[in-house]
Each structure stands twice: as structure tokens, then as C-alpha cells.
Amino acid sequence: VVLREANKMSRQVVRVHFIDKSCKALSIDQNTTATALRDEVISRIGLKEDACFAIFEKKDDWERCLEPDEKPADIQLQWEKEKAEEKKSDSEPLFVFKKKIFLKEDDREMEDPIAKDLIYKQALHSVISSEYPVTNADATKLAGLQCQVVYGDHNNAVHNTAFLVPNIHDFVPKNLLGGKRQEWAQSVLEAHESLIGKSSEDAKTEYLNIVKTWGYYGSTFYPPCKSSNRNLHSKVVIGVNYEGIRLLKPRTKQVIHEYFFTEILSWASSSGSFAFEVGSQNSSEKYTFETKQGAIIASTIQTYIDILVQLLRNRDEDDDDDDTSETVTSLSDV
């Protein structure tokens, strides 16, 4: 009885948040691991295709994926200590459940309505927050599809500029919106009206099909960091996805350089830096950056490499006639 009461006393509530700002409250104890918490979230929301999803710790613009054996209770205790020490933070730290790994072949996820909805909302957030650079034309089309998901078929009696203007910031990327709320509302409503008859699921599919054509779709972008390389701007954004590494201008997200994993010879990190080398054994170039997220960047790259190598092995097992050399050079096409 004493032990049972002690166990009850040691349990605590942890809130796991989602991209759409909803959350789930779950009960954990001191020994609950990140893996166990992830499994509980997956069970609660009914997610079937869960392999590419994970729980992150997020503090302001810094975030990292939890290691499998980490204890969320210990992390929450650390948050409380930091708060007591009055360490400055723009927002409360959070646990966030979202997609971590983006692969080209995601048909099975698209067949799972829960996975599809999570991926759609994550793409939506990346567009609206201007994490992804978007053209005016694509922004209008995407906002129209979002309206179809949220409001259903266009109704002239309801869906007018007076209706949409107050919430237009939820539909148009913040870097494009500016002071043109009325103009954007009108354009979005016209796009919405053209979609009459399209189901919510089909609208989500079309939305995702558009963003998936962008080379930077599924990228994890890290805060701007200084580079010592002469041929780079003083600060760059590092982006990592299933294809490789991209270096971008911080404000516009314009690509400066991009390197497929097949071009990357090595990478390394420390508590205050990240570096990688590209080229061949005969001719190579090394990039070095000052960043506190070096270990996180290196871990993300290693995760993609491990998954892609496993996919290549599976492909070889399925087709023993494949030419190995051709398979390796097409790593970015997996």
C-alpha cells in the first residue's frame, strides 16, 4: 500500500503540444522515457504510420528531438529550475509532437488520415510562418485550399472580404501580407470560390502536393549562424532534409549552395560549431559555422543517412539485379 501511494505521488502531468497549438495532457512518472511518452501520444491520437514522428523540446527558436531514453520528468524539472533562476526566455518551454523525418516516398502516411492531417498542419505552419519562401501565386492557391479545408464550399453570402480580413494573417505568409490585407482577402476568396465541390481531404492532398514540389520541403532550418568561409555571407541558415544540406540567406531563404548527401565527405560538431566537407578525395571544400546547434544538426544528418542507407539495402534485397553503383548515386531520389 505504501509503495502504491508513493507511486501515485510520484506521477505528474506532462502536456505534449501539436503544431496547431492543441495539446494532450498525459500522466508520467520519473522513469517514463521519451519513447514511452511518444508511444502514449501515438496511441491517444490513433496514429498508425508513426515511424517518422517524434517528440521535441522547444525553447523559443531552439528545439531538439528527445533521445529515446531521456526522461521527460527530468526535463520538466530542469525547466522549473531555470524559471526559478529567472533565466530569460521569450516563451515557456514545450514538448512538441511533430514529423521529424520527411522522405520522398510517403504514400503510406498519406493513406493514414491522422498522419496526413498532422503533416498538412505542419506544412501549413511552415508556409504561414514564412519558414518556407513562397511566391504570391502559390500563396494565393494554398490559402484558397486552406479555406476549403476550414470553411468548406465558398458561399457568397458569408465568405466576403469583411469575413476574411480579420483572420487573413492565418492564411497568408506574414512576409507577404504586409498592409495589403484587403487585396489578399479578395485574391484568396477568388481562389476559394474556384474550389467548390472539392472535399476537405482532397484539398489537403492538393496543398501537400504543391509544397512537396519545393526543394526545401521537409527541411529542418537552424537559426542563422556565422561562417568563416570567404565565399559565404557573414550569416547563413543551414537547412537539412532527405536530399542533403542547403545553405540559405537568412531573410529571403534564397539558396546559396546545396549539396546532396552523395557529395558530403564528412561532418563534425562541437558545443559551439558545426562543419562539413564536400567534394572528392582529390578536391574538397570545408564549411565551418559557429552555432550552438552543431550536435543537433549532425544528429539530423546521421538520422537521414541511416534511413536512406537502410532503404537502399531494402531496395537491393527486393531486386538483386540492381546495379549497386547506380543505386548509390541516386541516394537523393529515395
Protein backbone atom coordinates (compact mmCIF):
# COMPACT_ATOMS: atom_id res chain seq x y z
CA VAL A 1 0.00 0.00 0.00
CA VAL A 2 2.84 2.38 0.90
CA LEU A 3 4.56 1.64 -2.40
CA ARG A 4 1.32 2.15 -4.31
CA GLU A 5 0.78 5.53 -2.64
CA ALA A 6 4.40 6.52 -3.33
CA ASN A 7 3.93 5.68 -7.00
CA LYS A 8 0.78 7.80 -7.11
CA MET A 9 2.59 10.71 -5.50
CA SER A 10 5.48 10.49 -7.97
CA ARG A 11 3.26 10.80 -11.03
CA GLN A 12 2.93 14.14 -12.78
CA VAL A 13 1.15 15.68 -15.73
CA VAL A 14 3.03 16.45 -18.92
CA ARG A 15 1.50 18.38 -21.80
CA VAL A 16 2.53 17.47 -25.32
CA HIS A 17 1.71 20.15 -27.86
CA PHE A 18 0.96 19.93 -31.57
CA ILE A 19 1.66 22.34 -34.43
CA ASP A 20 -1.96 23.61 -34.43
CA LYS A 21 -1.50 24.70 -30.76
CA SER A 22 -3.69 21.90 -29.40
CA CYS A 23 -2.22 19.64 -26.73
CA LYS A 24 -2.67 16.37 -24.87
CA ALA A 25 -2.20 16.06 -21.11
CA LEU A 26 -0.67 12.74 -20.07
CA SER A 27 0.38 11.20 -16.79
CA ILE A 28 4.04 10.15 -16.41
CA ASP A 29 6.38 9.20 -13.60
CA GLN A 30 10.09 9.77 -13.00
CA ASN A 31 11.03 6.70 -15.04
CA THR A 32 8.89 7.37 -18.12
CA THR A 33 11.14 7.63 -21.16
CA ALA A 34 10.70 9.81 -24.23
CA THR A 35 9.93 6.65 -26.21
CA ALA A 36 7.18 5.65 -23.77
CA LEU A 37 5.70 9.15 -23.88
CA ARG A 38 5.82 9.16 -27.69
CA ASP A 39 4.06 5.77 -27.78
CA GLU A 40 1.34 7.08 -25.46
CA VAL A 41 0.75 10.13 -27.67
CA ILE A 42 0.57 7.91 -30.76
CA SER A 43 -1.97 5.69 -29.04
CA ARG A 44 -4.08 8.61 -27.83
CA ILE A 45 -4.39 10.25 -31.25
CA GLY A 46 -4.80 6.98 -33.18
CA LEU A 47 -1.73 7.47 -35.41
CA LYS A 48 -0.82 4.33 -37.38
CA GLU A 49 2.05 5.45 -39.65
CA ASP A 50 4.18 6.83 -36.83
CA ALA A 51 7.77 5.95 -37.83
CA CYS A 52 8.76 9.49 -38.86
CA PHE A 53 7.22 11.33 -35.88
CA ALA A 54 8.96 12.33 -32.67
CA ILE A 55 8.75 14.49 -29.56
CA PHE A 56 10.80 17.68 -29.45
CA GLU A 57 11.84 20.01 -26.67
CA LYS A 58 11.23 23.59 -27.81
CA LYS A 59 12.56 26.79 -26.23
CA ASP A 60 11.94 29.98 -28.20
CA ASP A 61 13.56 29.38 -31.64
CA TRP A 62 15.66 26.49 -30.34
CA GLU A 63 14.42 22.91 -30.47
CA ARG A 64 15.78 19.41 -30.41
CA CYS A 65 14.43 15.89 -30.76
CA LEU A 66 14.37 13.96 -27.49
CA GLU A 67 16.67 10.96 -27.23
CA PRO A 68 14.77 7.66 -26.74
CA ASP A 69 15.97 7.06 -23.16
CA GLU A 70 15.62 10.64 -21.91
CA LYS A 71 13.22 11.25 -19.03
CA PRO A 72 10.62 14.00 -19.71
CA ALA A 73 10.14 14.39 -15.93
CA ASP A 74 13.82 15.34 -15.58
CA ILE A 75 13.50 17.85 -18.41
CA GLN A 76 10.45 19.44 -16.77
CA LEU A 77 12.38 19.67 -13.51
CA GLN A 78 15.18 21.47 -15.34
CA TRP A 79 12.63 23.92 -16.80
CA GLU A 80 11.39 24.68 -13.29
CA LYS A 81 14.96 25.31 -12.07
CA GLU A 82 15.63 27.66 -14.98
CA LYS A 83 12.40 29.53 -14.26
CA ALA A 84 13.33 29.83 -10.58
CA GLU A 85 16.72 31.22 -11.59
CA GLU A 86 14.85 33.74 -13.77
CA LYS A 87 16.72 32.82 -16.91
CA LYS A 88 15.31 34.94 -19.72
CA SER A 89 13.02 33.27 -22.24
CA ASP A 90 10.52 34.75 -24.66
CA SER A 91 8.11 31.85 -24.16
CA GLU A 92 7.50 28.83 -21.97
CA PRO A 93 9.42 25.67 -22.98
CA LEU A 94 7.26 22.97 -24.54
CA PHE A 95 7.18 19.37 -25.63
CA VAL A 96 6.04 19.26 -29.26
CA PHE A 97 4.93 16.19 -31.22
CA LYS A 98 5.56 16.51 -34.95
CA LYS A 99 7.06 14.90 -38.01
CA LYS A 100 10.83 14.65 -37.81
CA ILE A 101 11.80 12.76 -40.96
CA PHE A 102 10.49 13.63 -44.43
CA LEU A 103 11.04 11.12 -47.22
CA LYS A 104 10.06 11.32 -50.86
CA GLU A 105 8.02 8.13 -50.70
CA ASP A 106 5.28 8.81 -48.15
CA ASP A 107 2.28 7.08 -49.73
CA ARG A 108 1.55 5.05 -46.59
CA GLU A 109 1.43 8.20 -44.46
CA MET A 110 -0.95 9.80 -46.94
CA GLU A 111 -3.27 6.79 -46.56
CA ASP A 112 -3.39 7.30 -42.77
CA PRO A 113 -5.83 10.20 -42.19
CA ILE A 114 -4.26 11.11 -38.84
CA ALA A 115 -0.72 11.20 -40.27
CA LYS A 116 -1.92 13.14 -43.30
CA ASP A 117 -3.64 15.74 -41.12
CA LEU A 118 -0.53 16.20 -38.93
CA ILE A 119 1.69 16.58 -42.00
CA TYR A 120 -0.75 19.02 -43.59
CA LYS A 121 -0.82 21.19 -40.44
CA GLN A 122 2.97 21.13 -40.21
CA ALA A 123 3.30 22.21 -43.85
CA LEU A 124 0.66 24.90 -43.25
CA HIS A 125 2.62 26.24 -40.28
CA SER A 126 5.86 26.34 -42.31
CA VAL A 127 4.11 28.31 -45.05
CA ILE A 128 2.23 30.82 -42.85
CA SER A 129 5.25 31.47 -40.59
CA SER A 130 7.37 32.15 -43.71
CA GLU A 131 9.71 29.30 -42.80
CA TYR A 132 9.25 28.27 -46.44
CA PRO A 133 9.74 31.02 -49.05
CA VAL A 134 6.54 31.20 -51.13
CA THR A 135 5.60 33.10 -54.30
CA ASN A 136 2.45 35.23 -54.39
CA ALA A 137 0.83 32.82 -56.83
CA ASP A 138 1.49 29.75 -54.67
CA ALA A 139 0.48 31.62 -51.51
CA THR A 140 -2.88 32.51 -53.07
CA LYS A 141 -3.53 28.98 -54.28
CA LEU A 142 -2.54 27.45 -50.93
CA ALA A 143 -4.68 29.91 -48.97
CA GLY A 144 -7.67 29.05 -51.17
CA LEU A 145 -7.15 25.35 -50.43
CA GLN A 146 -6.83 26.11 -46.72
CA CYS A 147 -10.16 27.97 -46.86
CA GLN A 148 -11.73 24.90 -48.48
CA VAL A 149 -10.44 22.75 -45.60
CA VAL A 150 -11.61 25.20 -42.92
CA TYR A 151 -14.88 26.57 -44.37
CA GLY A 152 -15.97 24.05 -46.97
CA ASP A 153 -17.55 25.30 -50.21
CA HIS A 154 -17.49 29.03 -50.90
CA ASN A 155 -20.73 30.85 -50.05
CA ASN A 156 -21.02 34.41 -51.40
CA ALA A 157 -23.47 35.33 -48.66
CA VAL A 158 -20.89 34.54 -45.98
CA HIS A 159 -17.40 34.40 -47.45
CA ASN A 160 -16.62 38.01 -48.33
CA THR A 161 -13.71 40.33 -47.55
CA ALA A 162 -15.33 41.60 -44.34
CA PHE A 163 -15.47 37.96 -43.20
CA LEU A 164 -11.87 37.08 -44.11
CA VAL A 165 -9.84 40.26 -43.48
CA PRO A 166 -9.79 39.91 -39.65
CA ASN A 167 -8.23 36.44 -39.97
CA ILE A 168 -6.25 36.84 -43.20
CA HIS A 169 -2.97 36.54 -41.25
CA ASP A 170 -3.91 32.88 -40.61
CA PHE A 171 -3.96 32.21 -44.36
CA VAL A 172 -1.19 34.31 -45.92
CA PRO A 173 2.57 34.15 -45.13
CA LYS A 174 3.49 37.01 -42.83
CA ASN A 175 6.33 38.23 -45.06
CA LEU A 176 3.90 38.65 -47.98
CA LEU A 177 0.89 40.05 -46.15
CA GLY A 178 2.22 43.48 -45.20
CA GLY A 179 -0.52 46.12 -45.22
CA LYS A 180 -2.43 44.58 -48.12
CA ARG A 181 -4.99 42.68 -46.06
CA GLN A 182 -7.95 43.71 -48.23
CA GLU A 183 -6.22 42.81 -51.50
CA TRP A 184 -5.07 39.46 -50.19
CA ALA A 185 -8.51 38.63 -48.83
CA GLN A 186 -10.06 39.28 -52.22
CA SER A 187 -7.49 37.12 -54.04
CA VAL A 188 -7.85 34.28 -51.55
CA LEU A 189 -11.66 34.36 -51.76
CA GLU A 190 -11.47 34.10 -55.56
CA ALA A 191 -9.16 31.09 -55.23
CA HIS A 192 -11.54 29.58 -52.66
CA GLU A 193 -14.55 30.07 -54.92
CA SER A 194 -12.85 28.10 -57.70
CA LEU A 195 -12.68 25.02 -55.46
CA ILE A 196 -16.42 24.43 -54.96
CA GLY A 197 -17.08 20.69 -54.78
CA LYS A 198 -13.60 19.72 -53.60
CA SER A 199 -13.59 17.68 -50.39
CA SER A 200 -11.53 18.66 -47.37
CA GLU A 201 -9.29 15.59 -47.82
CA ASP A 202 -8.71 16.35 -51.49
CA ALA A 203 -7.87 19.96 -50.61
CA LYS A 204 -5.28 18.76 -48.08
CA THR A 205 -3.81 16.40 -50.68
CA GLU A 206 -3.54 19.18 -53.26
CA TYR A 207 -1.99 21.51 -50.67
CA LEU A 208 0.66 18.93 -49.83
CA ASN A 209 1.28 18.07 -53.48
CA ILE A 210 2.16 21.72 -54.11
CA VAL A 211 4.58 22.13 -51.19
CA LYS A 212 6.23 18.79 -51.93
CA THR A 213 7.42 20.15 -55.28
CA TRP A 214 9.62 22.66 -53.44
CA GLY A 215 13.23 21.58 -52.99
CA TYR A 216 13.26 22.75 -49.38
CA TYR A 217 10.08 20.88 -48.36
CA GLY A 218 10.61 18.91 -45.18
CA SER A 219 13.80 20.80 -44.33
CA THR A 220 14.77 21.47 -40.76
CA PHE A 221 16.09 25.03 -40.70
CA TYR A 222 18.50 26.11 -37.98
CA PRO A 223 18.89 29.70 -36.68
CA PRO A 224 21.28 31.95 -38.67
CA CYS A 225 24.90 31.27 -37.80
CA LYS A 226 28.25 32.84 -38.60
CA SER A 227 30.53 31.27 -41.17
CA SER A 228 34.26 31.72 -41.54
CA ASN A 229 34.16 30.84 -45.25
CA ARG A 230 35.02 33.74 -47.51
CA ASN A 231 32.58 32.75 -50.26
CA LEU A 232 29.59 32.87 -47.91
CA HIS A 233 27.61 35.70 -46.36
CA SER A 234 28.53 36.61 -42.80
CA LYS A 235 25.48 34.66 -41.61
CA VAL A 236 23.63 31.77 -43.23
CA VAL A 237 20.76 29.45 -42.43
CA ILE A 238 21.55 25.72 -42.56
CA GLY A 239 18.74 23.53 -43.85
CA VAL A 240 18.76 19.71 -43.77
CA ASN A 241 16.32 17.36 -45.49
CA TYR A 242 16.27 13.94 -47.16
CA GLU A 243 18.32 15.24 -50.11
CA GLY A 244 21.18 16.86 -48.23
CA ILE A 245 22.31 20.22 -46.87
CA ARG A 246 21.29 23.66 -48.11
CA LEU A 247 22.87 26.96 -47.16
CA LEU A 248 20.45 29.88 -47.44
CA LYS A 249 20.28 33.65 -46.96
CA PRO A 250 18.60 34.35 -43.59
CA ARG A 251 15.99 36.89 -44.70
CA THR A 252 14.88 35.58 -48.10
CA LYS A 253 15.77 31.89 -47.69
CA GLN A 254 17.40 32.12 -51.13
CA VAL A 255 19.63 29.10 -51.68
CA ILE A 256 23.34 29.96 -51.76
CA HIS A 257 24.66 26.40 -52.05
CA GLU A 258 23.09 22.95 -51.92
CA TYR A 259 24.86 19.64 -51.54
CA PHE A 260 23.38 16.16 -51.85
CA PHE A 261 24.41 13.56 -49.30
CA THR A 262 26.40 11.81 -52.05
CA GLU A 263 28.63 14.91 -52.24
CA ILE A 264 29.27 15.19 -48.50
CA LEU A 265 32.51 13.55 -47.40
CA SER A 266 32.27 14.15 -43.65
CA TRP A 267 30.72 16.29 -40.94
CA ALA A 268 31.59 17.12 -37.34
CA SER A 269 30.24 19.16 -34.46
CA SER A 270 31.17 20.58 -31.08
CA SER A 271 29.35 22.55 -28.40
CA GLY A 272 29.83 25.74 -30.41
CA SER A 273 30.31 24.72 -34.02
CA PHE A 274 29.29 22.59 -36.96
CA ALA A 275 31.40 21.73 -40.02
CA PHE A 276 31.08 19.61 -43.13
CA GLU A 277 33.30 18.80 -46.10
CA VAL A 278 32.13 18.35 -49.70
CA GLY A 279 33.78 17.24 -52.93
CA SER A 280 36.05 14.28 -53.56
CA GLN A 281 39.25 12.89 -52.09
CA ASN A 282 41.22 14.82 -54.72
CA SER A 283 39.39 18.13 -54.37
CA SER A 284 37.27 19.18 -51.40
CA GLU A 285 35.95 22.23 -49.58
CA LYS A 286 35.21 22.59 -45.90
CA TYR A 287 32.49 24.77 -44.37
CA THR A 288 32.66 25.78 -40.71
CA PHE A 289 29.92 27.53 -38.74
CA GLU A 290 29.56 28.99 -35.25
CA THR A 291 26.38 27.52 -33.78
CA LYS A 292 25.21 26.02 -30.50
CA GLN A 293 23.09 23.55 -32.50
CA GLY A 294 26.04 21.71 -34.03
CA ALA A 295 25.27 18.41 -32.32
CA ILE A 296 21.60 18.65 -33.30
CA ILE A 297 22.45 19.34 -36.96
CA ALA A 298 24.91 16.42 -37.01
CA SER A 299 22.33 14.13 -35.41
CA THR A 300 19.69 15.08 -38.02
CA ILE A 301 22.12 14.35 -40.85
CA GLN A 302 23.08 11.00 -39.33
CA THR A 303 19.41 10.05 -38.94
CA TYR A 304 18.73 10.72 -42.63
CA ILE A 305 21.87 8.85 -43.71
CA ASP A 306 20.93 5.82 -41.60
CA ILE A 307 17.38 5.75 -43.00
CA LEU A 308 18.48 6.24 -46.61
CA VAL A 309 21.14 3.53 -46.35
CA GLN A 310 18.54 1.13 -44.92
CA LEU A 311 16.13 1.98 -47.74
CA LEU A 312 18.86 1.27 -50.27
CA ARG A 313 19.57 -2.09 -48.64
CA ASN A 314 15.88 -2.95 -48.72
CA ARG A 315 15.71 -1.97 -52.37
CA ASP A 316 18.69 -4.18 -53.17
CA GLU A 317 17.08 -7.11 -51.37
CA ASP A 318 13.88 -6.60 -53.36
CA ASP A 319 15.75 -6.52 -56.65
CA ASP A 320 19.04 -8.41 -56.72
CA ASP A 321 19.64 -7.26 -60.27
CA ASP A 322 20.01 -3.59 -59.30
CA ASP A 323 23.33 -2.02 -60.20
CA THR A 324 24.85 -1.01 -56.85
CA SER A 325 26.80 1.92 -58.26
CA GLU A 326 23.68 3.38 -59.84
CA THR A 327 21.77 2.96 -56.60
CA VAL A 328 24.35 4.89 -54.57
CA THR A 329 24.45 7.85 -56.95
CA SER A 330 20.67 8.14 -56.79
CA LEU A 331 20.62 8.42 -52.98
CA SER A 332 18.76 11.72 -53.13
CA ASP A 333 15.96 10.12 -55.17
CA VAL A 334 14.92 7.76 -52.38
